[in-house]
Amino acid sequence: MFRLPQALRPCSAPRYLPPPRTHRYLSTSSSDLSGLHAIVTGASRGIGLSIAQLLASRGASLTLISRSAAFLDSAHSSLPNPSQHHVLAGDVSSRSFWNELKLDKNKRVDLLVNSAGISHQSLYLRTSEDLIENVVQTNLMGTMWACKSVGRKMLRQRSLAEGGKDGDGAGGEQDKD
């Protein structure tokens, strides 16, 4: 078991933490992701591109999403086996982008990587309200719209694989559109 150093332990915290869980698809013991499909937002640059390159190098097929079509094409061509991957230019902060997104019914989605994000280098008190709203829309709401849209497909896949109905049935009152 992992033991926190004394300096990092709060007074009321237990002395031992359970070992961290690893996702069954991305465990360190298995690097083959062949047959899995991942959707990666913010895939044209930075962390999103690095994650896309790692997943592609391990055999996963990808759908790359970014606002910048030019950067997206460059990112797509940098991946191994570009013919296995698809690109989609769009604004993840837009609810209509996710509502209109038509995911291939014959293609499973096994992973969603929300790495789209923006930042601005200025003092918060001097930052315009429009810029703050843009950051929140992209970084927070874009992630939430992606999870809702792609999560429904993933739940539907699981339900069908288990012999259930074609619908998620998990939302309750708050999930009604």
Protein backbone atom coordinates (compact mmCIF):
# COMPACT_ATOMS: atom_id res chain seq x y z
CA MET A 1 0.00 0.00 0.00
CA PHE A 2 1.03 3.56 -0.62
CA ARG A 3 1.91 5.56 2.48
CA LEU A 4 1.80 9.34 2.45
CA PRO A 5 4.84 11.11 3.90
CA GLN A 6 4.16 12.56 7.35
CA ALA A 7 4.38 16.13 6.04
CA LEU A 8 1.55 15.51 3.56
CA ARG A 9 -0.81 13.67 5.92
CA PRO A 10 -3.74 15.64 7.33
CA CYS A 11 -4.37 15.01 11.01
CA SER A 12 -7.62 13.11 10.50
CA ALA A 13 -6.66 11.25 7.32
CA PRO A 14 -6.05 7.50 7.35
CA ARG A 15 -2.39 6.53 7.28
CA TYR A 16 -2.70 4.32 4.20
CA LEU A 17 -4.36 4.89 0.85
CA PRO A 18 -5.55 2.09 -1.41
CA PRO A 19 -3.51 1.56 -4.57
CA PRO A 20 -4.72 3.68 -7.50
CA ARG A 21 -7.09 2.03 -9.94
CA THR A 22 -6.04 1.76 -13.55
CA HIS A 23 -8.50 1.76 -16.40
CA ARG A 24 -8.72 -1.64 -18.00
CA TYR A 25 -7.92 -0.26 -21.46
CA LEU A 26 -4.99 1.95 -20.48
CA SER A 27 -3.26 -0.11 -17.84
CA THR A 28 0.52 0.00 -17.93
CA SER A 29 0.73 -3.74 -18.50
CA SER A 30 -1.19 -3.60 -21.79
CA SER A 31 -0.21 -1.19 -24.52
CA ASP A 32 -2.22 -2.67 -27.41
CA LEU A 33 -5.33 -0.60 -28.10
CA SER A 34 -6.13 -2.21 -31.46
CA GLY A 35 -9.84 -2.38 -32.09
CA LEU A 36 -10.64 0.54 -29.79
CA HIS A 37 -11.94 3.89 -31.02
CA ALA A 38 -11.28 7.18 -29.23
CA ILE A 39 -12.67 10.67 -29.72
CA VAL A 40 -10.09 13.33 -28.85
CA THR A 41 -11.09 16.99 -28.55
CA GLY A 42 -8.42 19.68 -28.85
CA ALA A 43 -6.49 17.19 -30.97
CA SER A 44 -4.74 19.65 -33.27
CA ARG A 45 -2.09 20.88 -30.82
CA GLY A 46 -0.59 20.52 -27.36
CA ILE A 47 -1.81 17.89 -24.93
CA GLY A 48 -4.63 16.74 -27.22
CA LEU A 49 -2.23 16.06 -30.08
CA SER A 50 0.20 14.25 -27.78
CA ILE A 51 -2.58 12.02 -26.44
CA ALA A 52 -3.83 11.36 -29.98
CA GLN A 53 -0.32 10.37 -31.09
CA LEU A 54 0.06 8.03 -28.12
CA LEU A 55 -3.32 6.36 -28.69
CA ALA A 56 -2.65 6.00 -32.43
CA SER A 57 0.81 4.55 -31.79
CA ARG A 58 -0.85 1.88 -29.64
CA GLY A 59 -3.28 0.95 -32.41
CA ALA A 60 -6.47 2.86 -31.56
CA SER A 61 -8.51 4.47 -34.31
CA LEU A 62 -9.35 8.11 -33.64
CA THR A 63 -11.79 10.89 -34.36
CA LEU A 64 -9.88 14.15 -33.97
CA ILE A 65 -11.88 17.27 -33.12
CA SER A 66 -10.59 20.86 -33.19
CA ARG A 67 -11.68 24.34 -34.25
CA SER A 68 -8.68 24.84 -36.52
CA ALA A 69 -9.03 22.84 -39.74
CA ALA A 70 -5.47 23.69 -40.87
CA PHE A 71 -3.87 22.49 -37.63
CA LEU A 72 -6.22 19.49 -37.61
CA ASP A 73 -5.06 18.36 -41.07
CA SER A 74 -1.44 18.69 -39.98
CA ALA A 75 -2.13 16.68 -36.82
CA HIS A 76 -3.97 14.01 -38.83
CA SER A 77 -1.04 13.54 -41.20
CA SER A 78 1.38 13.23 -38.26
CA LEU A 79 -0.39 10.12 -36.94
CA PRO A 80 0.57 6.57 -37.83
CA ASN A 81 -1.89 5.02 -40.32
CA PRO A 82 -3.80 8.24 -41.11
CA SER A 83 -6.44 6.29 -43.06
CA GLN A 84 -7.68 4.77 -39.76
CA HIS A 85 -8.46 8.19 -38.30
CA HIS A 86 -11.10 10.83 -39.00
CA VAL A 87 -11.03 14.59 -38.50
CA LEU A 88 -13.89 16.86 -37.55
CA ALA A 89 -13.57 20.64 -37.42
CA GLY A 90 -15.95 22.26 -34.96
CA ASP A 91 -16.35 24.35 -31.85
CA VAL A 92 -16.66 22.09 -28.79
CA SER A 93 -18.10 24.96 -26.74
CA SER A 94 -21.17 25.05 -28.98
CA ARG A 95 -24.08 22.93 -27.82
CA SER A 96 -25.37 22.82 -31.40
CA PHE A 97 -22.07 21.25 -32.56
CA TRP A 98 -22.64 18.30 -30.22
CA ASN A 99 -26.39 18.10 -30.93
CA GLU A 100 -25.74 17.97 -34.69
CA LEU A 101 -22.80 15.58 -34.41
CA LYS A 102 -23.67 12.35 -36.14
CA LEU A 103 -21.45 9.60 -34.80
CA ASP A 104 -21.17 6.57 -37.06
CA LYS A 105 -23.68 4.02 -35.75
CA ASN A 106 -21.41 1.16 -36.82
CA LYS A 107 -18.33 2.53 -35.05
CA ARG A 108 -17.93 1.99 -31.33
CA VAL A 109 -16.65 4.73 -29.07
CA ASP A 110 -14.47 3.31 -26.31
CA LEU A 111 -12.68 6.43 -25.07
CA LEU A 112 -13.45 10.14 -24.87
CA VAL A 113 -10.51 12.47 -24.26
CA ASN A 114 -11.61 16.02 -23.42
CA SER A 115 -8.45 18.02 -23.99
CA ALA A 116 -9.86 21.08 -25.74
CA GLY A 117 -9.17 24.20 -23.74
CA ILE A 118 -8.14 27.81 -23.97
CA SER A 119 -6.40 30.19 -21.63
CA HIS A 120 -5.57 33.86 -21.52
CA GLN A 121 -2.51 35.49 -20.00
CA SER A 122 -3.70 38.55 -18.14
CA LEU A 123 -4.68 39.64 -14.68
CA TYR A 124 -8.14 38.34 -13.87
CA LEU A 125 -9.42 41.76 -12.79
CA ARG A 126 -8.37 43.20 -16.16
CA THR A 127 -9.87 40.38 -18.21
CA SER A 128 -13.05 41.23 -20.12
CA GLU A 129 -16.27 39.46 -19.26
CA ASP A 130 -16.53 38.18 -22.84
CA LEU A 131 -13.12 36.54 -22.59
CA ILE A 132 -13.97 34.94 -19.23
CA GLU A 133 -17.21 33.63 -20.69
CA ASN A 134 -15.36 32.22 -23.72
CA VAL A 135 -12.90 30.38 -21.46
CA VAL A 136 -15.73 28.91 -19.36
CA GLN A 137 -17.75 27.93 -22.44
CA THR A 138 -14.79 26.11 -23.99
CA ASN A 139 -13.12 24.59 -20.94
CA LEU A 140 -16.17 23.69 -18.86
CA MET A 141 -19.25 23.58 -21.05
CA GLY A 142 -17.40 22.03 -24.01
CA THR A 143 -16.38 19.16 -21.75
CA MET A 144 -19.91 18.78 -20.41
CA TRP A 145 -21.51 18.79 -23.89
CA ALA A 146 -18.96 16.22 -25.10
CA CYS A 147 -19.60 13.93 -22.13
CA LYS A 148 -23.36 14.16 -22.58
CA SER A 149 -23.29 13.55 -26.33
CA VAL A 150 -20.67 10.81 -26.45
CA GLY A 151 -21.72 9.32 -23.11
CA ARG A 152 -25.18 8.58 -24.50
CA LYS A 153 -23.64 6.62 -27.36
CA MET A 154 -21.37 4.72 -24.98
CA LEU A 155 -24.29 3.82 -22.70
CA ARG A 156 -26.34 2.71 -25.70
CA GLN A 157 -23.45 0.49 -26.83
CA ARG A 158 -23.20 -1.09 -23.39
CA SER A 159 -26.94 -1.66 -23.23
CA LEU A 160 -27.01 -3.33 -26.65
CA ALA A 161 -23.97 -5.46 -25.79
CA GLU A 162 -25.80 -6.68 -22.69
CA GLY A 163 -28.93 -7.46 -24.71
CA GLY A 164 -30.86 -4.45 -23.46
CA LYS A 165 -32.96 -1.85 -25.18
CA ASP A 166 -31.57 0.80 -27.54
CA GLY A 167 -31.48 3.73 -25.13
CA ASP A 168 -29.53 4.85 -22.12
CA GLY A 169 -32.30 4.94 -19.52
CA ALA A 170 -29.89 6.44 -17.01
CA GLY A 171 -30.88 10.06 -16.92
CA GLY A 172 -33.92 10.41 -14.73
CA GLU A 173 -35.67 13.77 -14.51
CA GLN A 174 -32.62 15.93 -15.17
CA ASP A 175 -31.76 14.25 -18.47
CA LYS A 176 -34.94 15.27 -20.29
CA ASP A 177 -34.17 17.63 -23.18
